[in-house]
Amino acid sequence: MNYNRDANDLTDNSLMEKVKGGNAQLLTVLFMRYHKDIYRFIFRFVRHKEESQDLLQTVFYRVLKYKHTYKENYEFRTWLYQITRNVVSDNFKKNGLVYYSDENSLADKADDSLLIDQEIEKQQQIDSLNLALDKLSFNDREVIILSRFQNLGYVEIAKILNSTEGAVRVKLHRAINELKLILHPKSTK
């Protein structure tokens, strides 16, 4: 029996049930499935590589620590994002809103002789978007990141935020409008 192959064939929920039952080694499979998405979610808030990696480790530590709270009829991905959300929120409560220089900034790429005008323009747009996101409240930033960057649907976001689908739609609409006002302050709705 190939243990890894068999584990890789299991659903997220089945794996988490086995982790909950005491097979902590299977958390590795879940980590491999989700670490990139969870890291990107955290990085969108923190934008600091080492701190994002530390918080990622904290997320999976909490998955193991609070495995007893996982319910088999609950979607693992939603539960994981709730834990991640709590870790990010706890970090902001502890450290406040700390902004680091963007690790993908143009200054880091200045030496690259292959950098063309389109790449510079794209990076400037990303930098502008990141600065605008920084000006949003934590809740507005969170709903935009979950929807637009993590590609989660309204139903799943509602579960993560312990809200309703309709409320998420309204929050997202308002957050996007606020982001537009920050990006284009002279324009009107």
Protein backbone atom coordinates (compact mmCIF):
# COMPACT_ATOMS: atom_id res chain seq x y z
CA MET A 1 0.00 0.00 0.00
CA ASN A 2 1.45 3.35 -1.02
CA TYR A 3 0.54 5.52 1.96
CA ASN A 4 1.05 8.87 0.22
CA ARG A 5 -0.84 7.88 -2.92
CA ASP A 6 -3.76 6.54 -0.89
CA ALA A 7 -3.83 9.69 1.26
CA ASN A 8 -3.71 11.90 -1.84
CA ASP A 9 -6.83 10.15 -3.15
CA LEU A 10 -8.84 11.13 -0.05
CA THR A 11 -11.01 14.24 0.08
CA ASP A 12 -10.02 17.15 2.31
CA ASN A 13 -12.86 16.33 4.68
CA SER A 14 -11.84 12.65 4.90
CA LEU A 15 -8.24 13.62 5.59
CA MET A 16 -9.27 16.06 8.31
CA GLU A 17 -11.46 13.41 9.91
CA LYS A 18 -8.44 11.10 10.05
CA VAL A 19 -6.29 13.91 11.49
CA LYS A 20 -9.00 14.55 14.05
CA GLY A 21 -8.98 10.82 14.83
CA GLY A 22 -5.28 10.95 15.70
CA ASN A 23 -3.41 10.51 12.42
CA ALA A 24 -1.56 13.85 12.53
CA GLN A 25 0.77 12.78 9.70
CA LEU A 26 -2.06 13.27 7.22
CA LEU A 27 -2.00 16.98 7.96
CA THR A 28 1.01 17.04 5.63
CA VAL A 29 -1.26 16.17 2.69
CA LEU A 30 -3.64 19.00 3.60
CA PHE A 31 -0.69 21.35 4.03
CA MET A 32 0.58 20.46 0.55
CA ARG A 33 -2.86 21.11 -0.92
CA TYR A 34 -3.44 24.48 0.73
CA HIS A 35 -0.20 26.10 1.82
CA LYS A 36 0.20 28.22 -1.33
CA ASP A 37 -3.35 29.61 -1.22
CA ILE A 38 -3.19 30.27 2.51
CA TYR A 39 0.24 31.89 2.18
CA ARG A 40 -1.06 34.19 -0.59
CA PHE A 41 -4.06 35.14 1.56
CA ILE A 42 -1.83 35.99 4.51
CA PHE A 43 0.71 37.79 2.31
CA ARG A 44 -2.04 40.04 0.90
CA PHE A 45 -2.47 41.40 4.44
CA VAL A 46 1.08 41.30 5.77
CA ARG A 47 3.17 41.64 2.57
CA HIS A 48 6.26 40.46 4.37
CA LYS A 49 7.68 37.09 3.40
CA GLU A 50 9.07 35.89 6.73
CA GLU A 51 6.08 37.05 8.76
CA SER A 52 3.70 35.46 6.26
CA GLN A 53 5.60 32.18 6.55
CA ASP A 54 5.45 32.36 10.34
CA LEU A 55 1.71 33.00 10.26
CA LEU A 56 1.25 30.12 7.79
CA GLN A 57 2.92 27.81 10.30
CA THR A 58 0.67 29.21 13.02
CA VAL A 59 -2.40 28.40 10.90
CA PHE A 60 -1.46 24.75 10.52
CA TYR A 61 -0.42 24.54 14.17
CA ARG A 62 -3.92 25.74 15.07
CA VAL A 63 -5.48 23.23 12.69
CA LEU A 64 -3.76 20.52 14.70
CA LYS A 65 -4.44 22.15 18.07
CA TYR A 66 -8.15 22.72 17.37
CA LYS A 67 -8.78 19.58 15.32
CA HIS A 68 -11.43 18.58 17.85
CA THR A 69 -13.58 21.54 16.72
CA TYR A 70 -13.74 20.32 13.11
CA LYS A 71 -17.14 18.90 12.20
CA GLU A 72 -17.34 16.22 9.50
CA ASN A 73 -20.27 17.87 7.71
CA TYR A 74 -18.35 21.14 7.42
CA GLU A 75 -16.24 22.02 4.40
CA PHE A 76 -12.55 21.76 5.35
CA ARG A 77 -11.48 24.67 3.14
CA THR A 78 -14.00 26.98 4.80
CA TRP A 79 -12.86 25.88 8.27
CA LEU A 80 -9.22 26.41 7.25
CA TYR A 81 -9.93 29.95 6.03
CA GLN A 82 -11.73 30.71 9.30
CA ILE A 83 -8.63 29.67 11.21
CA THR A 84 -6.43 31.69 8.85
CA ARG A 85 -8.67 34.71 9.26
CA ASN A 86 -8.36 34.42 13.04
CA VAL A 87 -4.57 34.14 12.84
CA VAL A 88 -4.33 37.24 10.63
CA SER A 89 -6.77 39.14 12.84
CA ASP A 90 -4.84 38.18 15.99
CA ASN A 91 -1.63 39.35 14.32
CA PHE A 92 -3.15 42.75 13.54
CA LYS A 93 -4.52 43.08 17.09
CA LYS A 94 -1.10 42.23 18.50
CA ASN A 95 1.07 44.26 16.11
CA GLY A 96 -1.31 46.84 14.69
CA LEU A 97 -1.24 47.74 11.04
CA VAL A 98 2.42 47.38 10.15
CA TYR A 99 3.31 47.98 6.53
CA TYR A 100 6.46 46.61 5.04
CA SER A 101 7.91 47.54 1.72
CA ASP A 102 6.44 45.43 -1.03
CA GLU A 103 8.85 42.58 -1.66
CA ASN A 104 7.98 42.62 -5.34
CA SER A 105 8.65 46.31 -5.76
CA LEU A 106 10.37 47.80 -8.76
CA ALA A 107 13.45 48.61 -6.71
CA ASP A 108 14.06 44.90 -6.24
CA LYS A 109 13.91 44.40 -10.00
CA ALA A 110 15.88 47.47 -11.03
CA ASP A 111 18.92 45.41 -11.96
CA ASP A 112 16.97 43.15 -14.28
CA SER A 113 17.97 44.19 -17.78
CA LEU A 114 15.04 42.22 -19.25
CA LEU A 115 12.47 44.37 -17.49
CA ILE A 116 10.33 45.96 -20.18
CA ASP A 117 7.89 48.85 -20.05
CA GLN A 118 4.84 46.60 -19.79
CA GLU A 119 6.26 44.86 -16.74
CA ILE A 120 7.04 48.21 -15.12
CA GLU A 121 3.54 49.46 -15.81
CA LYS A 122 1.99 46.26 -14.47
CA GLN A 123 4.11 46.47 -11.31
CA GLN A 124 3.11 50.10 -10.82
CA GLN A 125 -0.55 49.08 -11.06
CA ILE A 126 0.02 46.32 -8.51
CA ASP A 127 1.83 48.74 -6.20
CA SER A 128 -1.04 51.25 -6.54
CA LEU A 129 -3.58 48.54 -5.79
CA ASN A 130 -1.63 47.38 -2.73
CA LEU A 131 -1.39 50.95 -1.42
CA ALA A 132 -5.12 51.41 -1.97
CA LEU A 133 -5.88 48.11 -0.22
CA ASP A 134 -3.78 49.31 2.73
CA LYS A 135 -6.14 52.26 3.13
CA LEU A 136 -9.20 50.05 3.49
CA SER A 137 -10.44 48.79 6.82
CA PHE A 138 -9.45 45.24 7.76
CA ASN A 139 -12.98 43.97 7.04
CA ASP A 140 -13.20 45.62 3.62
CA ARG A 141 -9.75 44.35 2.65
CA GLU A 142 -10.62 40.88 3.87
CA VAL A 143 -13.79 40.53 1.79
CA ILE A 144 -12.02 41.79 -1.35
CA ILE A 145 -9.08 39.44 -0.86
CA LEU A 146 -11.32 36.43 -0.24
CA SER A 147 -13.43 37.19 -3.29
CA ARG A 148 -11.08 38.62 -5.87
CA PHE A 149 -7.69 37.16 -4.95
CA GLN A 150 -8.63 33.83 -3.36
CA ASN A 151 -11.53 33.31 -5.81
CA LEU A 152 -13.97 32.17 -3.16
CA GLY A 153 -17.70 32.36 -3.81
CA TYR A 154 -20.24 34.34 -1.81
CA VAL A 155 -21.56 31.25 -0.03
CA GLU A 156 -18.11 30.17 1.15
CA ILE A 157 -17.13 33.70 2.18
CA ALA A 158 -20.37 33.96 4.15
CA LYS A 159 -19.46 30.79 6.04
CA ILE A 160 -15.93 32.04 6.70
CA LEU A 161 -17.21 35.40 7.96
CA ASN A 162 -20.14 33.84 9.80
CA SER A 163 -22.49 36.01 7.77
CA THR A 164 -25.11 35.66 5.07
CA GLU A 165 -24.58 35.52 1.33
CA GLY A 166 -26.57 38.72 0.88
CA ALA A 167 -24.53 40.54 3.51
CA VAL A 168 -21.31 39.41 1.81
CA ARG A 169 -22.55 40.73 -1.53
CA VAL A 170 -23.31 44.10 0.05
CA LYS A 171 -19.98 44.22 1.93
CA LEU A 172 -18.06 43.35 -1.22
CA HIS A 173 -19.93 45.92 -3.30
CA ARG A 174 -19.26 48.64 -0.72
CA ALA A 175 -15.62 47.61 -0.30
CA ILE A 176 -15.02 47.70 -4.05
CA ASN A 177 -16.66 51.13 -4.27
CA GLU A 178 -14.42 52.34 -1.45
CA LEU A 179 -11.39 50.91 -3.23
CA LYS A 180 -12.41 52.68 -6.45
CA LEU A 181 -12.70 55.98 -4.57
CA ILE A 182 -9.22 55.52 -3.17
CA LEU A 183 -7.76 54.62 -6.57
CA HIS A 184 -9.64 57.39 -8.41
CA PRO A 185 -10.50 60.08 -5.83
CA LYS A 186 -11.79 62.64 -8.38
CA SER A 187 -14.34 60.32 -9.95
CA THR A 188 -17.82 59.88 -8.58
CA LYS A 189 -19.99 56.83 -8.19
